[in-house]
Structure formats: C-alpha cells, structure tokens
Amino acid sequence: MGITSAFFAATSGINATSRALSEIGNNIANAQTVGYKSRSVSFGDLFGATIGGGGTSNALVEGRGVRVLGIDPSFTQGSLQTTSNALDLAIDGDGFFQVNDAIGSTFFSRAGQFSVDSSGAIVSPAGLRLQGFQVDTSGNVTGAIGDLTLTTTQQIGVPTTEVDVSGNLKADEPIIAPTNAQLLADPSNPSNTHHTTPVRVFDSLGVGHDVNVLYAKTANNTWQYSVLANNNEVTVLPANENTTTGNALVAQGTLTFNSSGLLLTESNPAGHAITFSNGSAAANIIFDFGTSITTDGGAGTDGFLQQGSASVNLALSQDGFANGTLIGTNIGEDGTITGRFSNGTTQNLGQVALTRFINPDGLAPIGRNLFIQSGDSGTPLIGSPGSGSFGKVSASTLEASNVDLGDELVDMITMQRGFQANSRIITTTNDLLGELVNLAR
C-alpha cells in the first residue's frame, strides 16, 4: 500500500473519534435525564496483510487503523434525589422496573417517574404500566404479576364484633345496687355508676354508634357492667329504654375479681345481641375485659384489675370501622404499596416487582429510558425489592443520570485532539504525495 495506506488509517481514526464524540455529546445531553446510564465507545486496532518475511518470525504486519468494537453502557448507581411525588420511585441497588404497553410488550427501566392515569393504573410518562405483585381482597400479596392499579378508592365498612377494654376499677368503692330504671334515668349519678368507658361501635352498614360501658360495684369483688346506647339507634324492649333521657340498655353482665384484684370471671363470653334500628344486620358484640382466670383460663392480669384507689381506662380497641375513601398511599422499601383510607385504616394495594439480569450490559436500549431483553442479557429474574440481591425501592425519590460531566469533558478534549492528529496525518500525507508528483516536473 505504501504511503497511501496512511490515508486509510487516518480516515479510520477520524471515523472512530467522531463516533466517540457523538456518544460523549449524547451523554452530556442526558446529564439531567432521570435514570439515564452513560455509554462509552470501545476501540480495536486493525491490521492488514503480512509484509515481507514470508510468514516467518521476522514478518511485518502493517497497521490499517482503528475500528469501533462496541458501545458499552455503565449501570453504576446514579445519585438519589428527593421529590414531592409519592409515586416517584428510585432503585437503590440492582434491578429494573418492568413496564408493559397496551399490547403486553415488556420493557425495563431505571427511571421511576410514575403517576396515575384515568383508569387508576400506575404509569410512566410514556403511558407504560408499572408491573408488580397483585393482592387479594384482604390485601395479602400474591405471586401473580400484573398492572399495579389504585382503583381501590373506597373501602366498605366492617361491623364491630369485639370490644377489648382494660384498666383498673377502684377497689374501695362503696357497694351500690342500681336498678336498670335508675341507670337509664341518670347514668352519671355516683349512686348508680362508679366508672364509665365510652366506645364507638359500627354496624353492618358502616354506621358508627356511640355507647357507654358503665361499671357499678354491687358486692365485694363483684361488678356489674351495663352498656347504654341512644334509644333512637337501637331496638330494645320498652323496659330497657327511657324516652326522656334517650338512653337504652343493650347489654349487661358481671365481672368478678379474686382477693388479689385479678379478673376471675366475666359473664357472656359469647357476646351480646344488639339490634340497630337502621336496617343493618343483627349484631353480636363481645365485650372482652381481659383473659380471666376461670372463664378464659388466663392469668387475669391483661385486662381490668380491681386494685388501688382510682378507676382508669388504659386501653380500648374494637375491630369495626366505617366505610372510607382512599386519601393517600405509602410505598415501603420492599415495594409494598399501602393505601391510607379516610376511616383511619390501611390496606395493601400491591407490591412493586423488580427485574434483574445476569448481564444487564447486554440489554438493548430503545430510547425513552427503556431497555428490552436481548440474547446477551440473559433471562430476566423477577423478585421483590430488598430480597436476595434485588435493590430496595425509595419512594418520593428519583435516580439521577450517572453521567459525570467532568469525565465527559476530559474525554471530549482527548477525542478532539485525536481527531485533529488524524486530520494532520491526512494533510501531511497529501503534502508528501505532492512532493512525489513534483519530482516528475
């Protein structure tokens, strides 16, 4: 080839450095792109035929320039930036979000900018649906993968079946014996009641009803409890209501304590039948005052005690609630999406699934921060965030581009000098060829 081979070697250098400059420019352009992963160009040398030596150890191999071997992505972690959107998600560690389009095609991305569309689905800016583990009607996460949706915007009410109360009843209260008529006429009178526990219960329609549990010491170590409700809200026998005060007696029982003040027995462990007058289903509500010694076979220490000289309520809970609407969501590090409802309850709505690959560098980029599986990437592995080698999910956070502008600018200068040097080889070779032509003049 002689001196003209320098033309071709320099041209390959110009082409290679131009390609590298193009990728550097692309990296710099995407320095602010969420989830973008920088790319770099790999070079390889070119050699021509053997010159002289006949293939012996003294043979000379002529260099023919350079070529681009490939463009390699860098999946190093980008910095995490906090946002105000609860559905902005970032992966801290290994893994990709899986998103599907309308026809079911699957894509993978590190960009976690999500929102909710008109159907309640969690979607990317391109309208691709985020995939995750589904939940059953009770909020338990299943193994099925599908579109994550927030269509559970309303939660039906649940009737109260049990009321758990604990506290202390004053041991030295005087003994009283109020009649039901006296209780209904004046429940706050100390001659009728020693202590009160107010509680709100719910019927099968999700309607709340305020009731009061009244306690009266009727004998040594023996207490009577009476549950009063609004007579407009319940149906009782005429003898169990006072239309003047609006009180109705809906439940009554007895608590006994041993000589140490521990709960010995409690009547009606199966509960009390209460009929609400609004058309709801008949209710059976258990009033549980603790694990009594005789009735429940317990220690008698975890509910009401009869000790000391003060009556107090310490804990109160019941298992019913009104209907509620979805008012917000929380997403944990394990990807579980928990809905918060206006009735004060929470329920799991789904769990974000992550996908990882043996060789993520083999994924094929298609733009819009998306990748697709290729033969080089290997088979996708699906799992929950934080399990095994999968990264954790951070809500209200986005992963920034991993482009380092300092490195890119240095590489740009290096490639610029390489381009200039290769251009100079062409001009120098041209000058030399011009000298050869001038020899003939």
Protein backbone atom coordinates (compact mmCIF):
# COMPACT_ATOMS: atom_id res chain seq x y z
CA MET A 1 0.00 0.00 0.00
CA GLY A 2 2.93 2.33 0.68
CA ILE A 3 2.39 5.89 1.79
CA THR A 4 -1.26 5.93 0.70
CA SER A 5 -2.13 3.47 3.50
CA ALA A 6 -1.66 6.39 5.90
CA PHE A 7 -4.75 7.98 4.32
CA PHE A 8 -6.90 4.99 5.24
CA ALA A 9 -5.50 4.65 8.77
CA ALA A 10 -6.11 8.34 9.48
CA THR A 11 -9.61 8.14 7.99
CA SER A 12 -10.46 5.24 10.33
CA GLY A 13 -9.16 7.31 13.23
CA ILE A 14 -11.36 10.25 12.23
CA ASN A 15 -14.40 7.96 11.95
CA ALA A 16 -13.71 6.33 15.32
CA THR A 17 -13.14 9.57 17.21
CA SER A 18 -16.21 11.09 15.54
CA ARG A 19 -18.28 8.18 16.84
CA ALA A 20 -16.80 8.64 20.31
CA LEU A 21 -17.55 12.37 20.23
CA SER A 22 -21.13 11.55 19.26
CA GLU A 23 -21.56 9.34 22.33
CA ILE A 24 -19.90 11.94 24.56
CA GLY A 25 -22.33 14.52 23.23
CA ASN A 26 -25.23 12.14 23.90
CA ASN A 27 -24.04 11.61 27.47
CA ILE A 28 -23.73 15.34 28.11
CA ALA A 29 -27.17 15.95 26.58
CA ASN A 30 -28.65 13.40 29.02
CA ALA A 31 -26.82 14.61 32.10
CA GLN A 32 -30.21 15.65 33.57
CA THR A 33 -32.23 12.69 32.28
CA VAL A 34 -33.72 10.62 35.10
CA GLY A 35 -32.32 7.11 35.22
CA TYR A 36 -30.03 7.61 32.21
CA LYS A 37 -26.96 5.38 32.03
CA SER A 38 -23.84 6.74 30.33
CA ARG A 39 -22.27 4.95 27.35
CA SER A 40 -18.70 4.77 26.15
CA VAL A 41 -17.08 3.67 22.89
CA SER A 42 -14.55 0.81 22.80
CA PHE A 43 -11.83 0.85 20.12
CA GLY A 44 -9.94 -2.01 18.45
CA ASP A 45 -6.89 -1.91 16.18
CA LEU A 46 -6.85 -3.06 12.54
CA PHE A 47 -4.01 -4.90 10.82
CA GLY A 48 -3.53 -5.71 7.15
CA ALA A 49 -1.64 -8.38 5.30
CA THR A 50 1.87 -9.56 6.15
CA ILE A 51 4.62 -7.51 4.51
CA GLY A 52 7.77 -9.43 3.72
CA GLY A 53 9.33 -12.23 5.70
CA GLY A 54 7.25 -14.94 4.09
CA GLY A 55 5.32 -15.62 7.26
CA THR A 56 8.47 -16.18 9.34
CA SER A 57 9.11 -14.73 12.75
CA ASN A 58 10.56 -11.68 11.02
CA ALA A 59 7.34 -10.99 9.11
CA LEU A 60 5.96 -7.45 9.30
CA VAL A 61 2.24 -6.80 9.77
CA GLU A 62 1.06 -3.44 8.55
CA GLY A 63 -1.37 -1.46 10.74
CA ARG A 64 -4.51 -0.28 8.98
CA GLY A 65 -6.03 1.97 11.64
CA VAL A 66 -8.79 1.59 14.23
CA ARG A 67 -12.37 0.47 14.42
CA VAL A 68 -15.23 0.76 16.91
CA LEU A 69 -15.67 -2.54 18.71
CA GLY A 70 -18.81 -1.57 20.57
CA ILE A 71 -20.66 0.91 22.75
CA ASP A 72 -20.69 -0.12 26.40
CA PRO A 73 -23.29 1.13 28.90
CA SER A 74 -22.39 1.86 32.50
CA PHE A 75 -25.01 0.74 35.01
CA THR A 76 -23.38 2.33 38.02
CA GLN A 77 -25.78 3.78 40.59
CA GLY A 78 -26.90 7.36 39.99
CA SER A 79 -27.42 9.73 42.90
CA LEU A 80 -30.85 9.71 44.59
CA GLN A 81 -32.83 12.94 44.60
CA THR A 82 -35.88 13.60 46.80
CA THR A 83 -39.13 14.79 45.18
CA SER A 84 -42.63 15.70 46.35
CA ASN A 85 -44.40 12.99 44.32
CA ALA A 86 -45.16 9.85 46.36
CA LEU A 87 -45.14 7.76 43.15
CA ASP A 88 -41.62 8.83 42.13
CA LEU A 89 -39.55 5.70 42.72
CA ALA A 90 -35.82 5.02 42.71
CA ILE A 91 -33.99 1.70 42.90
CA ASP A 92 -31.14 1.68 45.39
CA GLY A 93 -29.16 -1.31 44.17
CA ASP A 94 -29.63 -3.90 41.45
CA GLY A 95 -32.76 -4.26 39.34
CA PHE A 96 -35.09 -2.62 36.83
CA PHE A 97 -38.71 -1.58 36.85
CA GLN A 98 -40.83 -3.65 34.48
CA VAL A 99 -43.39 -1.75 32.41
CA ASN A 100 -45.81 -3.00 29.77
CA ASP A 101 -47.57 -1.28 26.91
CA ALA A 102 -51.20 -1.73 25.84
CA ILE A 103 -50.48 -4.90 23.85
CA GLY A 104 -48.41 -6.54 26.59
CA SER A 105 -44.90 -5.86 25.28
CA THR A 106 -42.40 -5.74 28.14
CA PHE A 107 -39.76 -3.08 28.73
CA PHE A 108 -37.31 -2.37 31.54
CA SER A 109 -36.23 0.94 33.00
CA ARG A 110 -34.37 2.58 35.88
CA ALA A 111 -36.42 5.78 35.51
CA GLY A 112 -39.11 5.78 38.20
CA GLN A 113 -41.23 8.77 37.22
CA PHE A 114 -44.75 7.40 37.71
CA SER A 115 -48.24 8.79 38.05
CA VAL A 116 -51.82 7.51 37.94
CA ASP A 117 -53.87 7.52 34.73
CA SER A 118 -57.64 7.84 34.35
CA SER A 119 -58.16 4.11 34.97
CA GLY A 120 -56.16 4.11 38.20
CA ALA A 121 -53.12 2.37 36.72
CA ILE A 122 -49.62 3.49 37.74
CA VAL A 123 -47.95 4.58 34.51
CA SER A 124 -44.72 6.11 33.22
CA PRO A 125 -44.67 9.42 31.30
CA ALA A 126 -44.95 7.35 28.11
CA GLY A 127 -48.12 5.66 29.39
CA LEU A 128 -46.46 2.30 30.08
CA ARG A 129 -47.97 0.42 33.03
CA LEU A 130 -45.83 -0.46 36.03
CA GLN A 131 -45.85 -4.17 36.83
CA GLY A 132 -45.98 -5.71 40.29
CA PHE A 133 -47.35 -8.39 42.55
CA GLN A 134 -51.12 -8.35 42.97
CA VAL A 135 -53.08 -8.56 46.24
CA ASP A 136 -56.25 -10.39 47.22
CA THR A 137 -59.36 -8.75 48.68
CA SER A 138 -57.78 -8.85 52.15
CA GLY A 139 -54.63 -7.06 50.99
CA ASN A 140 -52.39 -10.14 51.07
CA VAL A 141 -49.68 -10.08 48.39
CA THR A 142 -49.95 -12.94 45.90
CA GLY A 143 -47.40 -14.26 43.43
CA ALA A 144 -49.31 -13.05 40.36
CA ILE A 145 -47.66 -10.30 38.27
CA GLY A 146 -49.82 -7.66 36.63
CA ASP A 147 -50.58 -3.96 36.25
CA LEU A 148 -50.39 -2.06 39.53
CA THR A 149 -53.59 -0.06 39.96
CA LEU A 150 -55.06 2.20 42.63
CA THR A 151 -58.68 1.54 41.76
CA THR A 152 -59.50 0.55 45.36
CA THR A 153 -60.63 4.08 46.10
CA GLN A 154 -63.31 3.05 48.61
CA GLN A 155 -63.28 0.55 51.44
CA ILE A 156 -66.52 -0.95 52.74
CA GLY A 157 -67.34 -0.72 56.43
CA VAL A 158 -66.82 -3.66 58.77
CA PRO A 159 -69.19 -4.30 61.71
CA THR A 160 -67.84 -4.47 65.25
CA THR A 161 -67.70 -8.00 66.65
CA GLU A 162 -65.47 -7.45 69.69
CA VAL A 163 -64.60 -4.62 72.04
CA ASP A 164 -61.44 -5.04 74.13
CA VAL A 165 -61.07 -2.85 77.20
CA SER A 166 -58.56 -2.73 80.01
CA GLY A 167 -57.92 -0.55 83.00
CA ASN A 168 -58.48 -0.52 86.73
CA LEU A 169 -61.56 -0.36 88.94
CA LYS A 170 -61.18 1.32 92.32
CA ALA A 171 -61.03 -1.42 94.94
CA ASP A 172 -62.58 0.53 97.82
CA GLU A 173 -65.66 1.87 96.03
CA PRO A 174 -68.85 1.62 98.12
CA ILE A 175 -71.29 -1.12 97.22
CA ILE A 176 -74.35 0.09 95.31
CA ALA A 177 -77.30 -1.69 93.74
CA PRO A 178 -78.79 0.49 90.99
CA THR A 179 -81.84 -0.70 89.13
CA ASN A 180 -81.95 -0.59 85.36
CA ALA A 181 -84.53 2.19 85.57
CA GLN A 182 -82.15 4.26 87.70
CA LEU A 183 -79.29 3.67 85.23
CA LEU A 184 -81.44 4.75 82.29
CA ALA A 185 -82.72 7.83 84.10
CA ASP A 186 -79.40 9.12 85.47
CA PRO A 187 -76.33 7.14 84.38
CA SER A 188 -73.87 9.76 85.62
CA ASN A 189 -75.12 9.70 89.20
CA PRO A 190 -72.43 8.26 91.55
CA SER A 191 -75.19 6.31 93.27
CA ASN A 192 -75.75 4.44 90.00
CA THR A 193 -72.31 4.28 88.37
CA HIS A 194 -68.72 4.20 89.61
CA HIS A 195 -66.88 4.31 86.28
CA THR A 196 -67.58 4.72 82.54
CA THR A 197 -65.85 3.62 79.32
CA PRO A 198 -67.16 5.37 76.16
CA VAL A 199 -66.67 3.46 72.90
CA ARG A 200 -67.83 3.81 69.30
CA VAL A 201 -69.03 0.64 67.56
CA PHE A 202 -70.08 0.07 63.94
CA ASP A 203 -72.97 -1.83 62.39
CA SER A 204 -73.00 -3.82 59.14
CA LEU A 205 -73.80 -0.65 57.16
CA GLY A 206 -70.65 1.03 58.40
CA VAL A 207 -72.60 3.42 60.61
CA GLY A 208 -70.99 4.34 63.91
CA HIS A 209 -72.85 4.29 67.23
CA ASP A 210 -71.59 5.77 70.48
CA VAL A 211 -72.19 3.57 73.53
CA ASN A 212 -71.08 3.80 77.16
CA VAL A 213 -69.99 0.89 79.32
CA LEU A 214 -70.96 1.67 82.93
CA TYR A 215 -69.45 -0.13 85.93
CA ALA A 216 -71.11 -0.43 89.36
CA LYS A 217 -69.70 -2.35 92.35
CA THR A 218 -72.61 -4.49 93.53
CA ALA A 219 -70.75 -6.66 96.09
CA ASN A 220 -67.23 -7.26 97.32
CA ASN A 221 -65.07 -8.19 94.30
CA THR A 222 -68.18 -8.15 92.10
CA TRP A 223 -69.02 -5.51 89.48
CA GLN A 224 -71.91 -5.12 87.10
CA TYR A 225 -71.27 -3.66 83.67
CA SER A 226 -74.09 -2.12 81.64
CA VAL A 227 -73.91 -0.89 78.05
CA LEU A 228 -76.11 2.10 77.18
CA ALA A 229 -76.84 3.38 73.66
CA ASN A 230 -79.07 6.04 72.11
CA ASN A 231 -82.61 4.66 72.05
CA ASN A 232 -83.15 6.21 68.58
CA GLU A 233 -80.40 3.99 67.17
CA VAL A 234 -81.33 0.59 68.66
CA THR A 235 -84.38 -1.60 69.13
CA VAL A 236 -84.96 -2.80 72.72
CA LEU A 237 -87.83 -3.81 74.97
CA PRO A 238 -89.76 -0.87 76.42
CA ALA A 239 -88.49 -1.72 79.89
CA ASN A 240 -84.92 -1.21 78.66
CA GLU A 241 -85.26 2.35 77.43
CA ASN A 242 -86.00 5.81 78.75
CA THR A 243 -87.56 8.03 76.10
CA THR A 244 -86.99 11.12 78.21
CA THR A 245 -83.21 10.73 78.58
CA GLY A 246 -82.84 8.85 75.30
CA ASN A 247 -80.93 6.00 76.94
CA ALA A 248 -81.36 2.34 76.03
CA LEU A 249 -79.83 -0.68 77.78
CA VAL A 250 -78.39 -3.03 75.13
CA ALA A 251 -76.08 -5.29 77.14
CA GLN A 252 -75.38 -6.22 80.75
CA GLY A 253 -73.07 -8.62 82.57
CA THR A 254 -70.93 -9.31 85.62
CA LEU A 255 -67.21 -9.19 86.40
CA THR A 256 -65.71 -10.84 89.46
CA PHE A 257 -62.22 -10.49 90.92
CA ASN A 258 -60.24 -12.62 93.34
CA SER A 259 -58.79 -11.40 96.63
CA SER A 260 -55.72 -10.08 94.78
CA GLY A 261 -57.85 -7.94 92.48
CA LEU A 262 -57.24 -10.10 89.39
CA LEU A 263 -60.06 -10.75 86.94
CA LEU A 264 -61.64 -14.05 87.94
CA THR A 265 -64.76 -14.40 85.77
CA GLU A 266 -66.71 -12.44 83.16
CA SER A 267 -70.22 -13.27 82.05
CA ASN A 268 -71.48 -13.56 78.49
CA PRO A 269 -68.15 -14.54 76.86
CA ALA A 270 -70.05 -15.34 73.65
CA GLY A 271 -71.21 -11.74 73.33
CA HIS A 272 -74.42 -9.71 73.40
CA ALA A 273 -77.03 -9.50 70.64
CA ILE A 274 -77.69 -5.88 69.69
CA THR A 275 -80.29 -4.79 67.14
CA PHE A 276 -79.67 -1.46 65.44
CA SER A 277 -82.78 0.20 64.05
CA ASN A 278 -81.37 1.44 60.72
CA GLY A 279 -81.87 -1.77 58.78
CA SER A 280 -78.40 -3.20 59.40
CA ALA A 281 -77.85 -6.87 60.15
CA ALA A 282 -78.28 -8.11 63.70
CA ALA A 283 -75.04 -7.64 65.61
CA ASN A 284 -73.34 -9.81 68.20
CA ILE A 285 -70.67 -7.89 70.08
CA ILE A 286 -68.28 -9.43 72.62
CA PHE A 287 -67.17 -7.11 75.40
CA ASP A 288 -63.82 -8.55 76.45
CA PHE A 289 -62.41 -7.25 79.72
CA GLY A 290 -59.29 -9.44 79.70
CA THR A 291 -58.21 -13.07 79.91
CA SER A 292 -60.00 -14.06 83.12
CA ILE A 293 -58.75 -16.85 85.34
CA THR A 294 -61.84 -19.06 85.47
CA THR A 295 -63.76 -18.14 82.33
CA ASP A 296 -60.79 -17.98 79.93
CA GLY A 297 -58.12 -19.94 81.78
CA GLY A 298 -55.77 -16.96 81.83
CA ALA A 299 -53.82 -15.06 84.44
CA GLY A 300 -56.42 -12.32 84.91
CA THR A 301 -53.78 -9.58 84.56
CA ASP A 302 -54.09 -8.32 80.98
CA GLY A 303 -57.48 -6.58 81.17
CA PHE A 304 -59.33 -4.94 84.02
CA LEU A 305 -57.99 -5.16 87.55
CA GLN A 306 -59.61 -4.19 90.85
CA GLN A 307 -56.82 -2.58 92.83
CA GLY A 308 -55.76 0.73 94.35
CA SER A 309 -57.88 3.78 94.88
CA ALA A 310 -58.52 5.06 91.34
CA SER A 311 -60.58 3.88 88.40
CA VAL A 312 -58.95 4.44 84.99
CA ASN A 313 -59.27 3.33 81.37
CA LEU A 314 -55.91 2.20 80.00
CA ALA A 315 -56.62 0.65 76.59
CA LEU A 316 -59.59 0.40 74.29
CA SER A 317 -59.95 -1.19 70.86
CA GLN A 318 -62.68 -2.58 68.65
CA ASP A 319 -62.48 -4.36 65.31
CA GLY A 320 -65.08 -2.47 63.28
CA PHE A 321 -64.80 0.62 61.13
CA ALA A 322 -66.87 2.82 58.83
CA ASN A 323 -66.52 2.90 55.08
CA GLY A 324 -63.64 5.04 53.85
CA THR A 325 -62.15 6.52 50.70
CA LEU A 326 -58.53 6.38 49.61
CA ILE A 327 -56.73 9.55 50.68
CA GLY A 328 -53.10 8.63 50.09
CA THR A 329 -50.50 5.93 49.58
CA ASN A 330 -47.20 4.91 51.10
CA ILE A 331 -44.59 2.79 49.34
CA GLY A 332 -42.11 0.91 51.51
CA GLU A 333 -38.55 -0.15 50.74
CA ASP A 334 -39.89 -3.60 49.87
CA GLY A 335 -42.13 -2.03 47.21
CA THR A 336 -45.38 -2.64 49.10
CA ILE A 337 -47.99 -0.02 48.22
CA THR A 338 -50.17 0.71 51.26
CA GLY A 339 -53.36 2.71 50.86
CA ARG A 340 -54.50 5.10 53.60
CA PHE A 341 -58.26 5.49 53.94
CA SER A 342 -60.36 8.23 55.48
CA ASN A 343 -61.68 5.85 58.15
CA GLY A 344 -58.19 5.53 59.62
CA THR A 345 -57.44 2.09 58.21
CA THR A 346 -54.74 0.93 55.82
CA GLN A 347 -54.63 -1.86 53.26
CA ASN A 348 -52.02 -3.21 50.87
CA LEU A 349 -52.83 -2.38 47.25
CA GLY A 350 -49.92 -4.17 45.56
CA GLN A 351 -46.15 -4.57 45.56
CA VAL A 352 -43.68 -3.23 43.01
CA ALA A 353 -41.74 -6.02 41.30
CA LEU A 354 -38.11 -5.66 40.20
CA THR A 355 -36.34 -7.50 37.40
CA ARG A 356 -32.62 -8.22 37.22
CA PHE A 357 -30.38 -9.76 34.58
CA ILE A 358 -27.16 -11.76 34.72
CA ASN A 359 -25.69 -9.38 32.14
CA PRO A 360 -27.50 -6.03 32.21
CA ASP A 361 -24.89 -4.63 29.79
CA GLY A 362 -26.48 -6.88 27.18
CA LEU A 363 -29.85 -5.10 27.32
CA ALA A 364 -30.77 -3.28 24.14
CA PRO A 365 -31.63 0.43 24.58
CA ILE A 366 -34.61 1.67 22.57
CA GLY A 367 -34.87 5.25 23.86
CA ARG A 368 -37.24 6.93 26.34
CA ASN A 369 -35.15 5.42 29.19
CA LEU A 370 -36.27 1.94 28.14
CA PHE A 371 -34.41 -1.30 27.51
CA ILE A 372 -35.54 -4.60 26.05
CA GLN A 373 -34.24 -8.10 26.64
CA SER A 374 -31.68 -9.48 24.21
CA GLY A 375 -29.81 -12.71 23.76
CA ASP A 376 -26.80 -11.23 25.55
CA SER A 377 -28.69 -10.03 28.65
CA GLY A 378 -29.86 -13.44 29.78
CA THR A 379 -33.22 -14.47 31.20
CA PRO A 380 -34.99 -11.90 33.42
CA LEU A 381 -35.28 -12.78 37.11
CA ILE A 382 -38.28 -11.27 38.95
CA GLY A 383 -38.38 -10.64 42.69
CA SER A 384 -39.49 -8.26 45.41
CA PRO A 385 -37.34 -5.24 46.35
CA GLY A 386 -34.89 -5.88 49.17
CA SER A 387 -34.96 -9.66 48.76
CA GLY A 388 -31.85 -11.56 47.74
CA SER A 389 -29.66 -9.39 45.52
CA PHE A 390 -32.50 -7.08 44.47
CA GLY A 391 -32.16 -3.41 45.40
CA LYS A 392 -34.56 -1.51 47.62
CA VAL A 393 -37.18 0.96 46.45
CA SER A 394 -37.19 4.56 47.69
CA ALA A 395 -40.46 6.48 47.33
CA SER A 396 -40.61 10.22 46.61
CA THR A 397 -37.14 9.77 45.12
CA LEU A 398 -35.66 9.64 41.63
CA GLU A 399 -32.35 8.24 40.44
CA ALA A 400 -30.37 10.91 38.60
CA SER A 401 -28.28 10.31 35.49
CA ASN A 402 -24.91 8.70 36.25
CA VAL A 403 -23.13 10.95 33.72
CA ASP A 404 -20.03 12.60 35.21
CA LEU A 405 -19.67 15.90 33.35
CA GLY A 406 -16.02 16.25 34.39
CA ASP A 407 -15.09 12.90 32.88
CA GLU A 408 -17.10 13.61 29.75
CA LEU A 409 -15.38 16.97 29.16
CA VAL A 410 -11.94 15.42 29.61
CA ASP A 411 -12.87 12.62 27.17
CA MET A 412 -14.18 15.24 24.73
CA ILE A 413 -10.84 17.07 24.76
CA THR A 414 -8.97 13.80 24.28
CA MET A 415 -11.10 12.79 21.31
CA GLN A 416 -10.85 16.29 19.85
CA ARG A 417 -7.04 16.05 19.91
CA GLY A 418 -7.23 12.58 18.38
CA PHE A 419 -9.43 13.91 15.58
CA GLN A 420 -7.02 16.79 14.95
CA ALA A 421 -4.00 14.48 14.91
CA ASN A 422 -5.62 12.14 12.41
CA SER A 423 -6.54 15.13 10.25
CA ARG A 424 -2.91 16.26 10.35
CA ILE A 425 -1.79 12.84 9.12
CA ILE A 426 -4.01 13.27 6.08
CA THR A 427 -2.64 16.74 5.31
CA THR A 428 0.96 15.58 5.85
CA THR A 429 0.46 12.55 3.63
CA ASN A 430 -1.08 14.80 0.99
CA ASP A 431 1.97 17.05 1.12
CA LEU A 432 4.30 14.08 0.69
CA LEU A 433 2.34 12.81 -2.29
CA GLY A 434 2.54 16.30 -3.76
CA GLU A 435 6.34 16.18 -3.48
CA LEU A 436 6.33 12.89 -5.37
CA VAL A 437 4.26 14.38 -8.14
CA ASN A 438 6.61 17.36 -8.38
CA LEU A 439 9.57 15.03 -8.98
CA ALA A 440 8.22 14.40 -12.48
CA ARG A 441 8.37 18.11 -13.44
